[in-house]
Amino acid sequence: MGVLAEDNKQLTLIYSSESSVGKQTLAYANASDKKLLSIDISKTKVTGTQWAEIASKLGLKIGDLVDQEHPNYVKNFGDKGAILSSEDWIKILQNQPEVLKGCIVINGKKSLIITNPSDLVKHLGIEGEDVKN
């Protein structure tokens, strides 16, 4: 069993309140009829184990969760695609939450990255049903 809940009646939103995408996606999620667990990574530290589980749920590597074109990332690591370990990517996400690529939505066993806030509405469906891939 994972450390993140897999409840079909609950949306888990992992976002940064420091990004406009995060703020807007939170507003859409609040409008859903599902119970919402919002995790603002600029205020709440997500553990390395949780980041690994999130990446696994999405079928991605941890580094894929980082927006490598974000100005803060480029400033610190350059724009040539740094080769970093999983632990390094976790530290980046923990210490620079603004570089998270969009928002992560988990609903039951389904999860996705939202980079356009209105996409959340499409995935919720008219009745706010399960998030769909």
C-alpha atoms as a PDB file:
ATOM      1  CA  MET A   1       0.000   0.000   0.000  1.00  0.00           C
ATOM      2  CA  GLY A   2       1.314   3.437  -0.939  1.00  0.00           C
ATOM      3  CA  VAL A   3       1.678   6.455   1.275  1.00  0.00           C
ATOM      4  CA  LEU A   4      -0.807   8.483  -0.786  1.00  0.00           C
ATOM      5  CA  ALA A   5      -4.505   7.730  -0.454  1.00  0.00           C
ATOM      6  CA  GLU A   6      -6.282   6.215  -3.440  1.00  0.00           C
ATOM      7  CA  ASP A   7      -9.848   7.292  -2.744  1.00  0.00           C
ATOM      8  CA  ASN A   8     -12.214   7.696  -5.724  1.00  0.00           C
ATOM      9  CA  LYS A   9     -14.262  10.243  -3.762  1.00  0.00           C
ATOM     10  CA  GLN A  10     -11.242  12.407  -3.015  1.00  0.00           C
ATOM     11  CA  LEU A  11      -9.053  14.565  -5.223  1.00  0.00           C
ATOM     12  CA  THR A  12      -5.509  15.004  -4.046  1.00  0.00           C
ATOM     13  CA  LEU A  13      -3.960  18.118  -5.562  1.00  0.00           C
ATOM     14  CA  ILE A  14      -0.232  18.658  -5.228  1.00  0.00           C
ATOM     15  CA  TYR A  15       0.613  22.185  -6.320  1.00  0.00           C
ATOM     16  CA  SER A  16       2.668  25.278  -5.583  1.00  0.00           C
ATOM     17  CA  SER A  17       0.797  28.399  -4.536  1.00  0.00           C
ATOM     18  CA  GLU A  18       3.755  30.319  -5.975  1.00  0.00           C
ATOM     19  CA  SER A  19       2.607  29.491  -9.515  1.00  0.00           C
ATOM     20  CA  SER A  20      -0.387  30.869 -11.376  1.00  0.00           C
ATOM     21  CA  VAL A  21      -1.177  27.366 -12.681  1.00  0.00           C
ATOM     22  CA  GLY A  22      -1.246  26.114  -9.085  1.00  0.00           C
ATOM     23  CA  LYS A  23      -3.568  28.866  -7.871  1.00  0.00           C
ATOM     24  CA  GLN A  24      -5.957  28.471 -10.803  1.00  0.00           C
ATOM     25  CA  THR A  25      -6.011  24.666 -10.611  1.00  0.00           C
ATOM     26  CA  LEU A  26      -6.790  24.888  -6.889  1.00  0.00           C
ATOM     27  CA  ALA A  27      -9.807  27.078  -7.724  1.00  0.00           C
ATOM     28  CA  TYR A  28     -11.094  24.489 -10.216  1.00  0.00           C
ATOM     29  CA  ALA A  29     -10.474  21.667  -7.734  1.00  0.00           C
ATOM     30  CA  ASN A  30     -12.382  23.549  -5.019  1.00  0.00           C
ATOM     31  CA  ALA A  31     -15.355  23.754  -7.401  1.00  0.00           C
ATOM     32  CA  SER A  32     -15.458  19.961  -7.721  1.00  0.00           C
ATOM     33  CA  ASP A  33     -18.021  17.961  -5.776  1.00  0.00           C
ATOM     34  CA  LYS A  34     -15.249  15.673  -4.537  1.00  0.00           C
ATOM     35  CA  LYS A  35     -13.529  15.968  -1.199  1.00  0.00           C
ATOM     36  CA  LEU A  36     -10.271  17.855  -1.771  1.00  0.00           C
ATOM     37  CA  LEU A  37      -6.916  17.253  -0.150  1.00  0.00           C
ATOM     38  CA  SER A  38      -4.689  20.077  -1.352  1.00  0.00           C
ATOM     39  CA  ILE A  39      -0.974  19.952  -0.661  1.00  0.00           C
ATOM     40  CA  ASP A  40       0.810  23.245  -1.249  1.00  0.00           C
ATOM     41  CA  ILE A  41       4.435  22.182  -1.660  1.00  0.00           C
ATOM     42  CA  SER A  42       5.635  25.735  -0.974  1.00  0.00           C
ATOM     43  CA  LYS A  43       4.299  25.321   2.570  1.00  0.00           C
ATOM     44  CA  THR A  44       4.259  21.546   3.140  1.00  0.00           C
ATOM     45  CA  LYS A  45       7.321  19.411   2.508  1.00  0.00           C
ATOM     46  CA  VAL A  46       6.629  16.284   0.476  1.00  0.00           C
ATOM     47  CA  THR A  47       8.921  13.419   1.456  1.00  0.00           C
ATOM     48  CA  GLY A  48      11.278  11.675  -0.922  1.00  0.00           C
ATOM     49  CA  THR A  49       9.170   8.528  -0.638  1.00  0.00           C
ATOM     50  CA  GLN A  50       6.064  10.483  -1.611  1.00  0.00           C
ATOM     51  CA  TRP A  51       7.807  12.073  -4.618  1.00  0.00           C
ATOM     52  CA  ALA A  52       8.950   8.623  -5.739  1.00  0.00           C
ATOM     53  CA  GLU A  53       5.401   7.281  -5.396  1.00  0.00           C
ATOM     54  CA  ILE A  54       3.941  10.259  -7.258  1.00  0.00           C
ATOM     55  CA  ALA A  55       6.369   9.796 -10.141  1.00  0.00           C
ATOM     56  CA  SER A  56       5.614   6.067 -10.198  1.00  0.00           C
ATOM     57  CA  LYS A  57       1.841   6.695 -10.301  1.00  0.00           C
ATOM     58  CA  LEU A  58       2.402   8.980 -13.280  1.00  0.00           C
ATOM     59  CA  GLY A  59       4.725   6.516 -14.999  1.00  0.00           C
ATOM     60  CA  LEU A  60       7.540   9.077 -14.909  1.00  0.00           C
ATOM     61  CA  LYS A  61      11.001   9.539 -13.465  1.00  0.00           C
ATOM     62  CA  ILE A  62      11.242  12.025 -10.585  1.00  0.00           C
ATOM     63  CA  GLY A  63      13.228  14.413 -12.800  1.00  0.00           C
ATOM     64  CA  ASP A  64      10.296  14.506 -15.231  1.00  0.00           C
ATOM     65  CA  LEU A  65       8.283  16.353 -12.563  1.00  0.00           C
ATOM     66  CA  VAL A  66      10.664  19.320 -12.772  1.00  0.00           C
ATOM     67  CA  ASP A  67      10.099  22.106 -15.280  1.00  0.00           C
ATOM     68  CA  GLN A  68      13.626  22.311 -16.619  1.00  0.00           C
ATOM     69  CA  GLU A  69      12.743  25.494 -18.523  1.00  0.00           C
ATOM     70  CA  HIS A  70      11.708  27.348 -15.357  1.00  0.00           C
ATOM     71  CA  PRO A  71      13.955  30.415 -14.864  1.00  0.00           C
ATOM     72  CA  ASN A  72      14.966  29.331 -11.343  1.00  0.00           C
ATOM     73  CA  TYR A  73      15.971  25.884 -12.577  1.00  0.00           C
ATOM     74  CA  VAL A  74      17.942  27.308 -15.515  1.00  0.00           C
ATOM     75  CA  LYS A  75      19.650  29.819 -13.206  1.00  0.00           C
ATOM     76  CA  ASN A  76      20.892  27.039 -10.913  1.00  0.00           C
ATOM     77  CA  PHE A  77      21.475  24.155 -13.333  1.00  0.00           C
ATOM     78  CA  GLY A  78      21.703  25.641 -16.810  1.00  0.00           C
ATOM     79  CA  ASP A  79      19.620  24.768 -19.830  1.00  0.00           C
ATOM     80  CA  LYS A  80      21.580  21.761 -21.052  1.00  0.00           C
ATOM     81  CA  GLY A  81      19.604  19.034 -19.251  1.00  0.00           C
ATOM     82  CA  ALA A  82      21.511  18.284 -16.058  1.00  0.00           C
ATOM     83  CA  ILE A  83      22.105  14.629 -15.252  1.00  0.00           C
ATOM     84  CA  LEU A  84      21.047  14.242 -11.632  1.00  0.00           C
ATOM     85  CA  SER A  85      20.185  11.356  -9.323  1.00  0.00           C
ATOM     86  CA  SER A  86      16.674  10.721  -8.010  1.00  0.00           C
ATOM     87  CA  GLU A  87      17.799  12.130  -4.665  1.00  0.00           C
ATOM     88  CA  ASP A  88      19.016  15.317  -6.389  1.00  0.00           C
ATOM     89  CA  TRP A  89      15.676  15.762  -8.184  1.00  0.00           C
ATOM     90  CA  ILE A  90      13.832  15.271  -4.877  1.00  0.00           C
ATOM     91  CA  LYS A  91      15.992  17.946  -3.225  1.00  0.00           C
ATOM     92  CA  ILE A  92      15.220  20.329  -6.082  1.00  0.00           C
ATOM     93  CA  LEU A  93      11.467  19.765  -5.677  1.00  0.00           C
ATOM     94  CA  GLN A  94      11.702  20.142  -1.906  1.00  0.00           C
ATOM     95  CA  ASN A  95      13.843  23.294  -1.992  1.00  0.00           C
ATOM     96  CA  GLN A  96      12.462  24.959  -5.110  1.00  0.00           C
ATOM     97  CA  PRO A  97       8.758  24.039  -5.225  1.00  0.00           C
ATOM     98  CA  GLU A  98       8.100  26.620  -7.924  1.00  0.00           C
ATOM     99  CA  VAL A  99       9.858  24.359 -10.475  1.00  0.00           C
ATOM    100  CA  LEU A 100       7.195  21.630 -10.218  1.00  0.00           C
ATOM    101  CA  LYS A 101       5.877  21.053 -13.741  1.00  0.00           C
ATOM    102  CA  GLY A 102       2.242  22.081 -13.329  1.00  0.00           C
ATOM    103  CA  CYS A 103       0.080  20.420 -10.671  1.00  0.00           C
ATOM    104  CA  ILE A 104      -0.427  16.783  -9.866  1.00  0.00           C
ATOM    105  CA  VAL A 105      -3.932  15.415  -9.414  1.00  0.00           C
ATOM    106  CA  ILE A 106      -4.595  12.001  -7.896  1.00  0.00           C
ATOM    107  CA  ASN A 107      -8.061  10.480  -7.834  1.00  0.00           C
ATOM    108  CA  GLY A 108      -8.308   6.833  -6.887  1.00  0.00           C
ATOM    109  CA  LYS A 109      -5.741   4.902  -8.901  1.00  0.00           C
ATOM    110  CA  LYS A 110      -5.635   7.568 -11.607  1.00  0.00           C
ATOM    111  CA  SER A 111      -3.215  10.461 -11.654  1.00  0.00           C
ATOM    112  CA  LEU A 112      -2.083  13.149 -14.074  1.00  0.00           C
ATOM    113  CA  ILE A 113      -0.075  16.322 -14.403  1.00  0.00           C
ATOM    114  CA  ILE A 114      -2.107  19.457 -15.084  1.00  0.00           C
ATOM    115  CA  THR A 115      -0.271  22.246 -16.908  1.00  0.00           C
ATOM    116  CA  ASN A 116      -3.400  24.083 -18.044  1.00  0.00           C
ATOM    117  CA  PRO A 117      -5.865  24.640 -15.155  1.00  0.00           C
ATOM    118  CA  SER A 118      -8.950  24.266 -17.359  1.00  0.00           C
ATOM    119  CA  ASP A 119      -7.783  20.735 -18.240  1.00  0.00           C
ATOM    120  CA  LEU A 120      -8.840  19.675 -14.744  1.00  0.00           C
ATOM    121  CA  VAL A 121     -12.472  20.338 -15.686  1.00  0.00           C
ATOM    122  CA  LYS A 122     -12.135  18.051 -18.719  1.00  0.00           C
ATOM    123  CA  HIS A 123     -10.711  15.280 -16.556  1.00  0.00           C
ATOM    124  CA  LEU A 124     -13.365  15.665 -13.881  1.00  0.00           C
ATOM    125  CA  GLY A 125     -16.241  15.392 -16.349  1.00  0.00           C
ATOM    126  CA  ILE A 126     -19.583  17.147 -16.061  1.00  0.00           C
ATOM    127  CA  GLU A 127     -20.543  15.530 -12.775  1.00  0.00           C
ATOM    128  CA  GLY A 128     -17.040  15.714 -11.316  1.00  0.00           C
ATOM    129  CA  GLU A 129     -16.562  11.989 -11.859  1.00  0.00           C
ATOM    130  CA  ASP A 130     -13.209  10.200 -11.548  1.00  0.00           C
ATOM    131  CA  VAL A 131     -10.191  11.914 -12.989  1.00  0.00           C
ATOM    132  CA  LYS A 132      -9.520  10.318 -16.367  1.00  0.00           C
ATOM    133  CA  ASN A 133      -6.200   9.886 -18.139  1.00  0.00           C
END
